[in-house]
Amino acid sequence: MLVRASVIAALAFGGASLAFVADASAAKKPYPQCMTDDGYGRKSPCSNLYKREHPNWRGGDECMIDEGYGRVHSCSQQYKQSHSK
């Protein structure tokens, strides 16, 4: 009985540590994406056609950074300058 309890405790601790590793790896880095203003200040993602027609979107006002949790802001000036042609 004592062995069984220690095995269950070890498995529970191992499962908890695996869950922590999975949560840490699930964190996303902010990435640039193309967003256009569809009116009234609302931003919507660019279509693939728009990206093909505007290959320099990373250097313009369409470049936005998604931090997650619904927070989106414009790319930094340094990023825009490095991606403008």
N, C-alpha and C. Protein backbone atom coordinates (compact mmCIF):
# COMPACT_ATOMS: atom_id res chain seq x y z
N MET A 1 0.83 -1.19 0.00
CA MET A 1 0.00 0.00 0.00
C MET A 1 0.87 1.25 0.00
N LEU A 2 1.95 1.25 0.77
CA LEU A 2 2.84 2.39 0.82
C LEU A 2 3.54 2.61 -0.52
N VAL A 3 3.89 1.52 -1.18
CA VAL A 3 4.55 1.62 -2.48
C VAL A 3 3.58 2.20 -3.50
N ARG A 4 2.35 1.75 -3.46
CA ARG A 4 1.34 2.23 -4.38
C ARG A 4 1.11 3.73 -4.21
N ALA A 5 1.07 4.21 -2.98
CA ALA A 5 0.87 5.64 -2.71
C ALA A 5 2.06 6.46 -3.22
N SER A 6 3.28 5.95 -3.05
CA SER A 6 4.45 6.69 -3.52
C SER A 6 4.51 6.72 -5.05
N VAL A 7 4.09 5.64 -5.70
CA VAL A 7 4.05 5.61 -7.17
C VAL A 7 3.02 6.60 -7.68
N ILE A 8 1.88 6.66 -7.06
CA ILE A 8 0.82 7.60 -7.47
C ILE A 8 1.29 9.03 -7.26
N ALA A 9 1.97 9.29 -6.15
CA ALA A 9 2.48 10.64 -5.87
C ALA A 9 3.54 11.02 -6.91
N ALA A 10 4.42 10.09 -7.27
CA ALA A 10 5.45 10.38 -8.27
C ALA A 10 4.83 10.65 -9.63
N LEU A 11 3.82 9.89 -10.01
CA LEU A 11 3.15 10.12 -11.29
C LEU A 11 2.42 11.46 -11.30
N ALA A 12 1.81 11.81 -10.18
CA ALA A 12 1.11 13.09 -10.11
C ALA A 12 2.09 14.25 -10.22
N PHE A 13 3.24 14.14 -9.57
CA PHE A 13 4.25 15.20 -9.66
C PHE A 13 4.81 15.29 -11.08
N GLY A 14 5.06 14.15 -11.70
CA GLY A 14 5.57 14.15 -13.07
C GLY A 14 4.56 14.73 -14.04
N GLY A 15 3.30 14.42 -13.87
CA GLY A 15 2.26 14.98 -14.73
C GLY A 15 2.13 16.48 -14.56
N ALA A 16 2.28 16.95 -13.33
CA ALA A 16 2.20 18.39 -13.09
C ALA A 16 3.38 19.11 -13.73
N SER A 17 4.55 18.50 -13.66
CA SER A 17 5.72 19.15 -14.27
C SER A 17 5.61 19.14 -15.79
N LEU A 18 5.04 18.09 -16.38
CA LEU A 18 4.83 18.05 -17.83
C LEU A 18 3.82 19.11 -18.25
N ALA A 19 2.80 19.32 -17.46
CA ALA A 19 1.82 20.34 -17.77
C ALA A 19 2.46 21.73 -17.74
N PHE A 20 3.38 21.96 -16.82
CA PHE A 20 4.08 23.25 -16.75
C PHE A 20 4.95 23.45 -17.98
N VAL A 21 5.64 22.42 -18.43
CA VAL A 21 6.48 22.53 -19.63
C VAL A 21 5.62 22.81 -20.85
N ALA A 22 4.47 22.17 -20.95
CA ALA A 22 3.59 22.38 -22.09
C ALA A 22 3.06 23.81 -22.10
N ASP A 23 2.74 24.37 -20.93
CA ASP A 23 2.25 25.75 -20.87
C ASP A 23 3.34 26.74 -21.24
N ALA A 24 4.58 26.47 -20.81
CA ALA A 24 5.67 27.38 -21.12
C ALA A 24 5.99 27.37 -22.61
N SER A 25 5.88 26.23 -23.26
CA SER A 25 6.20 26.17 -24.68
C SER A 25 5.06 26.72 -25.53
N ALA A 26 3.88 26.84 -24.97
CA ALA A 26 2.74 27.34 -25.73
C ALA A 26 2.76 28.86 -25.87
N ALA A 27 3.62 29.55 -25.11
CA ALA A 27 3.70 31.01 -25.19
C ALA A 27 4.21 31.41 -26.57
N LYS A 28 3.52 32.34 -27.22
CA LYS A 28 3.89 32.75 -28.56
C LYS A 28 4.67 34.06 -28.51
N LYS A 29 5.59 34.18 -29.45
CA LYS A 29 6.30 35.44 -29.61
C LYS A 29 5.45 36.34 -30.50
N PRO A 30 5.51 37.64 -30.28
CA PRO A 30 4.79 38.55 -31.16
C PRO A 30 5.35 38.44 -32.58
N TYR A 31 4.47 38.46 -33.56
CA TYR A 31 4.90 38.35 -34.94
C TYR A 31 4.21 39.43 -35.76
N PRO A 32 4.89 39.93 -36.79
CA PRO A 32 4.27 40.95 -37.63
C PRO A 32 3.21 40.33 -38.53
N GLN A 33 2.15 41.05 -38.72
CA GLN A 33 1.10 40.61 -39.63
C GLN A 33 0.51 41.82 -40.32
N CYS A 34 -0.13 41.58 -41.43
CA CYS A 34 -0.71 42.65 -42.23
C CYS A 34 -2.14 42.88 -41.77
N MET A 35 -2.45 44.13 -41.40
CA MET A 35 -3.80 44.50 -40.98
C MET A 35 -4.18 45.79 -41.69
N THR A 36 -5.39 45.85 -42.18
CA THR A 36 -5.89 47.07 -42.82
C THR A 36 -7.05 47.62 -42.02
N ASP A 37 -7.24 48.91 -42.15
CA ASP A 37 -8.34 49.59 -41.47
C ASP A 37 -9.59 49.46 -42.34
N ASP A 38 -10.58 48.73 -41.86
CA ASP A 38 -11.79 48.52 -42.66
C ASP A 38 -12.84 49.60 -42.42
N GLY A 39 -12.49 50.62 -41.71
CA GLY A 39 -13.41 51.72 -41.43
C GLY A 39 -13.76 51.78 -39.96
N TYR A 40 -14.04 52.95 -39.49
CA TYR A 40 -14.44 53.17 -38.09
C TYR A 40 -13.37 52.71 -37.11
N GLY A 41 -12.10 52.66 -37.55
CA GLY A 41 -11.01 52.31 -36.66
C GLY A 41 -10.85 50.84 -36.39
N ARG A 42 -11.58 50.00 -37.07
CA ARG A 42 -11.45 48.56 -36.87
C ARG A 42 -10.40 48.01 -37.82
N LYS A 43 -9.56 47.12 -37.32
CA LYS A 43 -8.51 46.50 -38.12
C LYS A 43 -8.94 45.08 -38.48
N SER A 44 -8.67 44.69 -39.74
CA SER A 44 -8.94 43.33 -40.17
C SER A 44 -7.71 42.81 -40.90
N PRO A 45 -7.47 41.49 -40.86
CA PRO A 45 -6.29 40.94 -41.53
C PRO A 45 -6.36 41.14 -43.04
N CYS A 46 -5.20 41.34 -43.64
CA CYS A 46 -5.11 41.50 -45.10
C CYS A 46 -5.34 40.16 -45.78
N SER A 47 -5.87 40.23 -46.97
CA SER A 47 -6.03 39.02 -47.76
C SER A 47 -4.70 38.69 -48.45
N ASN A 48 -4.59 37.47 -48.95
CA ASN A 48 -3.38 37.09 -49.67
C ASN A 48 -3.23 37.91 -50.95
N LEU A 49 -4.34 38.26 -51.59
CA LEU A 49 -4.30 39.09 -52.78
C LEU A 49 -3.71 40.46 -52.46
N TYR A 50 -4.12 41.04 -51.34
CA TYR A 50 -3.59 42.34 -50.93
C TYR A 50 -2.08 42.25 -50.70
N LYS A 51 -1.62 41.18 -50.05
CA LYS A 51 -0.19 41.01 -49.78
C LYS A 51 0.60 40.86 -51.08
N ARG A 52 0.02 40.14 -52.06
CA ARG A 52 0.70 40.01 -53.35
C ARG A 52 0.76 41.33 -54.09
N GLU A 53 -0.31 42.12 -54.03
CA GLU A 53 -0.34 43.40 -54.71
C GLU A 53 0.51 44.45 -54.01
N HIS A 54 0.73 44.31 -52.72
CA HIS A 54 1.53 45.24 -51.92
C HIS A 54 2.66 44.48 -51.21
N PRO A 55 3.71 44.09 -51.95
CA PRO A 55 4.76 43.28 -51.33
C PRO A 55 5.54 44.01 -50.24
N ASN A 56 5.42 45.33 -50.18
CA ASN A 56 6.15 46.12 -49.19
C ASN A 56 5.28 46.43 -47.96
N TRP A 57 4.30 45.61 -47.65
CA TRP A 57 3.38 45.91 -46.54
C TRP A 57 4.11 45.93 -45.20
N ARG A 58 5.22 45.21 -45.07
CA ARG A 58 5.96 45.21 -43.79
C ARG A 58 6.62 46.56 -43.52
N GLY A 59 6.82 47.36 -44.56
CA GLY A 59 7.44 48.66 -44.40
C GLY A 59 6.44 49.79 -44.30
N GLY A 60 5.14 49.49 -44.36
CA GLY A 60 4.12 50.53 -44.34
C GLY A 60 3.26 50.51 -43.10
N ASP A 61 2.16 51.25 -43.17
CA ASP A 61 1.24 51.35 -42.03
C ASP A 61 0.42 50.09 -41.82
N GLU A 62 0.44 49.17 -42.77
CA GLU A 62 -0.32 47.92 -42.63
C GLU A 62 0.34 46.93 -41.68
N CYS A 63 1.63 47.15 -41.38
CA CYS A 63 2.37 46.23 -40.52
C CYS A 63 1.93 46.42 -39.07
N MET A 64 1.44 45.35 -38.48
CA MET A 64 0.98 45.36 -37.09
C MET A 64 1.60 44.18 -36.35
N ILE A 65 1.80 44.35 -35.06
CA ILE A 65 2.33 43.30 -34.20
C ILE A 65 1.21 42.81 -33.30
N ASP A 66 1.00 41.49 -33.31
CA ASP A 66 -0.02 40.87 -32.46
C ASP A 66 0.68 40.32 -31.23
N GLU A 67 0.41 40.92 -30.07
CA GLU A 67 1.01 40.47 -28.82
C GLU A 67 0.22 39.34 -28.18
N GLY A 68 -0.92 39.05 -28.70
CA GLY A 68 -1.78 38.06 -28.08
C GLY A 68 -2.80 38.74 -27.20
N TYR A 69 -3.77 38.03 -26.75
CA TYR A 69 -4.84 38.54 -25.90
C TYR A 69 -5.60 39.69 -26.56
N GLY A 70 -5.56 39.77 -27.90
CA GLY A 70 -6.31 40.81 -28.60
C GLY A 70 -5.63 42.15 -28.69
N ARG A 71 -4.39 42.24 -28.24
CA ARG A 71 -3.66 43.51 -28.31
C ARG A 71 -2.85 43.56 -29.60
N VAL A 72 -3.14 44.53 -30.44
CA VAL A 72 -2.43 44.70 -31.71
C VAL A 72 -1.97 46.14 -31.80
N HIS A 73 -0.69 46.37 -32.13
CA HIS A 73 -0.19 47.72 -32.30
C HIS A 73 0.71 47.76 -33.53
N SER A 74 1.01 48.95 -34.01
CA SER A 74 1.80 49.07 -35.24
C SER A 74 3.25 48.67 -35.01
N CYS A 75 3.90 48.25 -36.08
CA CYS A 75 5.30 47.84 -36.02
C CYS A 75 6.18 49.05 -35.68
N SER A 76 7.32 48.78 -35.12
CA SER A 76 8.23 49.86 -34.76
C SER A 76 8.82 50.48 -36.03
N GLN A 77 9.28 51.72 -35.92
CA GLN A 77 9.89 52.40 -37.06
C GLN A 77 11.15 51.66 -37.52
N GLN A 78 11.89 51.11 -36.58
CA GLN A 78 13.11 50.38 -36.93
C GLN A 78 12.77 49.15 -37.77
N TYR A 79 11.72 48.43 -37.40
CA TYR A 79 11.31 47.26 -38.16
C TYR A 79 10.84 47.66 -39.55
N LYS A 80 10.06 48.74 -39.64
CA LYS A 80 9.56 49.21 -40.93
C LYS A 80 10.71 49.62 -41.84
N GLN A 81 11.71 50.32 -41.30
CA GLN A 81 12.85 50.74 -42.12
C GLN A 81 13.66 49.57 -42.62
N SER A 82 13.81 48.55 -41.80
CA SER A 82 14.59 47.39 -42.22
C SER A 82 13.88 46.55 -43.27
N HIS A 83 12.55 46.67 -43.38
CA HIS A 83 11.79 45.89 -44.35
C HIS A 83 11.27 46.71 -45.52
N SER A 84 11.59 47.98 -45.58
CA SER A 84 11.14 48.78 -46.72
C SER A 84 12.17 48.65 -47.84
N LYS A 85 11.67 48.74 -49.06
CA LYS A 85 12.56 48.58 -50.22
C LYS A 85 12.86 49.89 -50.86
